[in-house]
Amino acid sequence: MAYTSVFAPFTEIKPEEFKRVTEVSYLGFVYGTKVALGKMLPRDRGTIVQVGSALGYRSIPPQSAYCGAKHAINGFSVQLWAAHRVVTAGSAITRAVGALRGGRGRQPDKRPPS
């Protein structure tokens, strides 16, 4: 699992920073899953564990790019599970929720938005 983030208000995030967060945190997840699934389907077995973030369910203000990527991962994971859960009886796709720690030398502010 790879991720990156930008701790800043949305209006201060440069387009290339937003793109980088999306490419690493979302597309890296998608491409890794695609490789794993490509090896699982011919064997008709295996397990994919999707490790997400609580920020995929509850966003915080200085994390718009990261939270957007994590919301995308949730949608992708649900779709993947729905599309493949019946196709291969020996395969499993499981979702787990983790927590974001660190980033630019400081911890995220966990207070709810006001």
C-alpha atoms as a PDB file:
ATOM      1  CA  MET A   1       0.000   0.000   0.000  1.00  0.00           C
ATOM      2  CA  ALA A   2       1.370   3.390  -0.948  1.00  0.00           C
ATOM      3  CA  TYR A   3       0.014   6.817  -0.258  1.00  0.00           C
ATOM      4  CA  THR A   4       1.018  10.431  -0.240  1.00  0.00           C
ATOM      5  CA  SER A   5      -0.805  13.538   0.881  1.00  0.00           C
ATOM      6  CA  VAL A   6      -0.779  17.315   0.978  1.00  0.00           C
ATOM      7  CA  PHE A   7      -1.745  19.014   4.238  1.00  0.00           C
ATOM      8  CA  ALA A   8      -3.268  22.262   2.971  1.00  0.00           C
ATOM      9  CA  PRO A   9      -6.630  23.850   2.275  1.00  0.00           C
ATOM     10  CA  PHE A  10      -8.025  22.844  -1.114  1.00  0.00           C
ATOM     11  CA  THR A  11      -7.588  26.372  -2.476  1.00  0.00           C
ATOM     12  CA  GLU A  12      -3.836  26.206  -1.767  1.00  0.00           C
ATOM     13  CA  ILE A  13      -3.120  22.833  -3.368  1.00  0.00           C
ATOM     14  CA  LYS A  14      -1.448  23.082  -6.753  1.00  0.00           C
ATOM     15  CA  PRO A  15      -2.960  20.971  -9.558  1.00  0.00           C
ATOM     16  CA  GLU A  16       0.243  18.914  -9.875  1.00  0.00           C
ATOM     17  CA  GLU A  17       0.152  18.159  -6.116  1.00  0.00           C
ATOM     18  CA  PHE A  18      -3.476  17.014  -6.347  1.00  0.00           C
ATOM     19  CA  LYS A  19      -2.608  14.880  -9.374  1.00  0.00           C
ATOM     20  CA  ARG A  20       0.352  13.291  -7.547  1.00  0.00           C
ATOM     21  CA  VAL A  21      -1.786  12.355  -4.529  1.00  0.00           C
ATOM     22  CA  THR A  22      -4.412  10.834  -6.830  1.00  0.00           C
ATOM     23  CA  GLU A  23      -1.847   8.890  -8.866  1.00  0.00           C
ATOM     24  CA  VAL A  24      -0.036   7.456  -5.838  1.00  0.00           C
ATOM     25  CA  SER A  25      -2.895   6.983  -3.383  1.00  0.00           C
ATOM     26  CA  TYR A  26      -5.620   5.859  -5.795  1.00  0.00           C
ATOM     27  CA  LEU A  27      -4.134   4.686  -9.085  1.00  0.00           C
ATOM     28  CA  GLY A  28      -1.272   2.879  -7.334  1.00  0.00           C
ATOM     29  CA  PHE A  29      -3.940   0.989  -5.422  1.00  0.00           C
ATOM     30  CA  VAL A  30      -5.867   0.196  -8.608  1.00  0.00           C
ATOM     31  CA  TYR A  31      -2.811  -0.975 -10.554  1.00  0.00           C
ATOM     32  CA  GLY A  32      -1.584  -3.164  -7.684  1.00  0.00           C
ATOM     33  CA  THR A  33      -5.014  -4.751  -7.407  1.00  0.00           C
ATOM     34  CA  LYS A  34      -5.115  -5.346 -11.162  1.00  0.00           C
ATOM     35  CA  VAL A  35      -1.798  -7.221 -11.052  1.00  0.00           C
ATOM     36  CA  ALA A  36      -2.907  -9.327  -8.071  1.00  0.00           C
ATOM     37  CA  LEU A  37      -6.295 -10.123  -9.583  1.00  0.00           C
ATOM     38  CA  GLY A  38      -4.643 -11.049 -12.883  1.00  0.00           C
ATOM     39  CA  LYS A  39      -2.656 -13.728 -11.044  1.00  0.00           C
ATOM     40  CA  MET A  40      -5.609 -14.902  -8.945  1.00  0.00           C
ATOM     41  CA  LEU A  41      -8.240 -15.415 -11.624  1.00  0.00           C
ATOM     42  CA  PRO A  42      -6.355 -18.048 -13.688  1.00  0.00           C
ATOM     43  CA  ARG A  43      -5.621 -19.976 -10.472  1.00  0.00           C
ATOM     44  CA  ASP A  44      -9.196 -19.567  -9.197  1.00  0.00           C
ATOM     45  CA  ARG A  45      -7.850 -18.745  -5.758  1.00  0.00           C
ATOM     46  CA  GLY A  46      -6.296 -16.009  -3.665  1.00  0.00           C
ATOM     47  CA  THR A  47      -7.192 -13.114  -1.406  1.00  0.00           C
ATOM     48  CA  ILE A  48      -7.016  -9.375  -1.937  1.00  0.00           C
ATOM     49  CA  VAL A  49      -7.117  -7.309   1.251  1.00  0.00           C
ATOM     50  CA  GLN A  50      -8.044  -3.697   0.533  1.00  0.00           C
ATOM     51  CA  VAL A  51      -6.636  -1.526   3.328  1.00  0.00           C
ATOM     52  CA  GLY A  52      -8.384   1.814   3.303  1.00  0.00           C
ATOM     53  CA  SER A  53      -8.622   4.747   5.659  1.00  0.00           C
ATOM     54  CA  ALA A  54     -11.265   6.186   7.928  1.00  0.00           C
ATOM     55  CA  LEU A  55     -10.794   9.333   5.844  1.00  0.00           C
ATOM     56  CA  GLY A  56     -12.457   7.494   2.992  1.00  0.00           C
ATOM     57  CA  TYR A  57     -15.650   7.754   5.027  1.00  0.00           C
ATOM     58  CA  ARG A  58     -15.154  10.986   6.993  1.00  0.00           C
ATOM     59  CA  SER A  59     -13.125  13.745   5.380  1.00  0.00           C
ATOM     60  CA  ILE A  60     -11.098  16.393   7.176  1.00  0.00           C
ATOM     61  CA  PRO A  61     -10.474  19.905   5.840  1.00  0.00           C
ATOM     62  CA  PRO A  62      -6.705  19.946   5.149  1.00  0.00           C
ATOM     63  CA  GLN A  63      -6.826  16.608   3.293  1.00  0.00           C
ATOM     64  CA  SER A  64      -9.009  17.113   0.203  1.00  0.00           C
ATOM     65  CA  ALA A  65      -6.761  15.232  -2.236  1.00  0.00           C
ATOM     66  CA  TYR A  66      -6.081  12.311   0.105  1.00  0.00           C
ATOM     67  CA  CYS A  67      -9.722  12.003   1.212  1.00  0.00           C
ATOM     68  CA  GLY A  68     -10.868  12.129  -2.402  1.00  0.00           C
ATOM     69  CA  ALA A  69      -8.483   9.304  -3.288  1.00  0.00           C
ATOM     70  CA  LYS A  70      -9.663   7.238  -0.314  1.00  0.00           C
ATOM     71  CA  HIS A  71     -13.318   7.773  -1.258  1.00  0.00           C
ATOM     72  CA  ALA A  72     -12.419   6.581  -4.758  1.00  0.00           C
ATOM     73  CA  ILE A  73     -10.752   3.485  -3.279  1.00  0.00           C
ATOM     74  CA  ASN A  74     -13.934   2.684  -1.348  1.00  0.00           C
ATOM     75  CA  GLY A  75     -16.013   2.859  -4.517  1.00  0.00           C
ATOM     76  CA  PHE A  76     -13.457   0.842  -6.456  1.00  0.00           C
ATOM     77  CA  SER A  77     -13.268  -1.842  -3.754  1.00  0.00           C
ATOM     78  CA  VAL A  78     -17.045  -2.229  -3.516  1.00  0.00           C
ATOM     79  CA  GLN A  79     -17.298  -2.530  -7.297  1.00  0.00           C
ATOM     80  CA  LEU A  80     -14.462  -5.039  -7.416  1.00  0.00           C
ATOM     81  CA  TRP A  81     -16.040  -7.176  -4.724  1.00  0.00           C
ATOM     82  CA  ALA A  82     -19.449  -7.069  -6.442  1.00  0.00           C
ATOM     83  CA  ALA A  83     -17.990  -7.939  -9.839  1.00  0.00           C
ATOM     84  CA  HIS A  84     -15.778 -10.836  -8.734  1.00  0.00           C
ATOM     85  CA  ARG A  85     -17.254 -12.372  -5.603  1.00  0.00           C
ATOM     86  CA  VAL A  86     -19.300 -14.889  -7.589  1.00  0.00           C
ATOM     87  CA  VAL A  87     -16.847 -15.394 -10.450  1.00  0.00           C
ATOM     88  CA  THR A  88     -14.248 -17.310  -8.447  1.00  0.00           C
ATOM     89  CA  ALA A  89     -15.310 -19.401  -5.488  1.00  0.00           C
ATOM     90  CA  GLY A  90     -11.734 -19.773  -4.207  1.00  0.00           C
ATOM     91  CA  SER A  91     -10.976 -16.055  -4.258  1.00  0.00           C
ATOM     92  CA  ALA A  92     -11.768 -13.420  -1.678  1.00  0.00           C
ATOM     93  CA  ILE A  93     -11.670  -9.641  -1.690  1.00  0.00           C
ATOM     94  CA  THR A  94     -11.723  -8.141   1.786  1.00  0.00           C
ATOM     95  CA  ARG A  95     -11.769  -4.523   2.847  1.00  0.00           C
ATOM     96  CA  ALA A  96     -10.021  -3.272   5.976  1.00  0.00           C
ATOM     97  CA  VAL A  97      -9.913   0.252   7.360  1.00  0.00           C
ATOM     98  CA  GLY A  98      -6.648   1.678   8.685  1.00  0.00           C
ATOM     99  CA  ALA A  99      -5.590   5.111   9.842  1.00  0.00           C
ATOM    100  CA  LEU A 100      -3.390   7.820   8.341  1.00  0.00           C
ATOM    101  CA  ARG A 101      -0.357   8.711  10.412  1.00  0.00           C
ATOM    102  CA  GLY A 102       2.276  11.312   9.726  1.00  0.00           C
ATOM    103  CA  GLY A 103       2.748  13.575   6.751  1.00  0.00           C
ATOM    104  CA  ARG A 104       4.998  16.593   6.374  1.00  0.00           C
ATOM    105  CA  GLY A 105       6.260  16.171   9.924  1.00  0.00           C
ATOM    106  CA  ARG A 106       2.961  16.564  11.749  1.00  0.00           C
ATOM    107  CA  GLN A 107      -0.072  14.520  12.689  1.00  0.00           C
ATOM    108  CA  PRO A 108      -3.453  15.163  11.051  1.00  0.00           C
ATOM    109  CA  ASP A 109      -5.985  17.231  12.971  1.00  0.00           C
ATOM    110  CA  LYS A 110      -8.643  14.712  14.003  1.00  0.00           C
ATOM    111  CA  ARG A 111     -11.201  17.267  15.169  1.00  0.00           C
ATOM    112  CA  PRO A 112     -14.454  17.234  13.232  1.00  0.00           C
ATOM    113  CA  PRO A 113     -15.046  20.105  10.818  1.00  0.00           C
ATOM    114  CA  SER A 114     -16.862  23.052  12.356  1.00  0.00           C
END
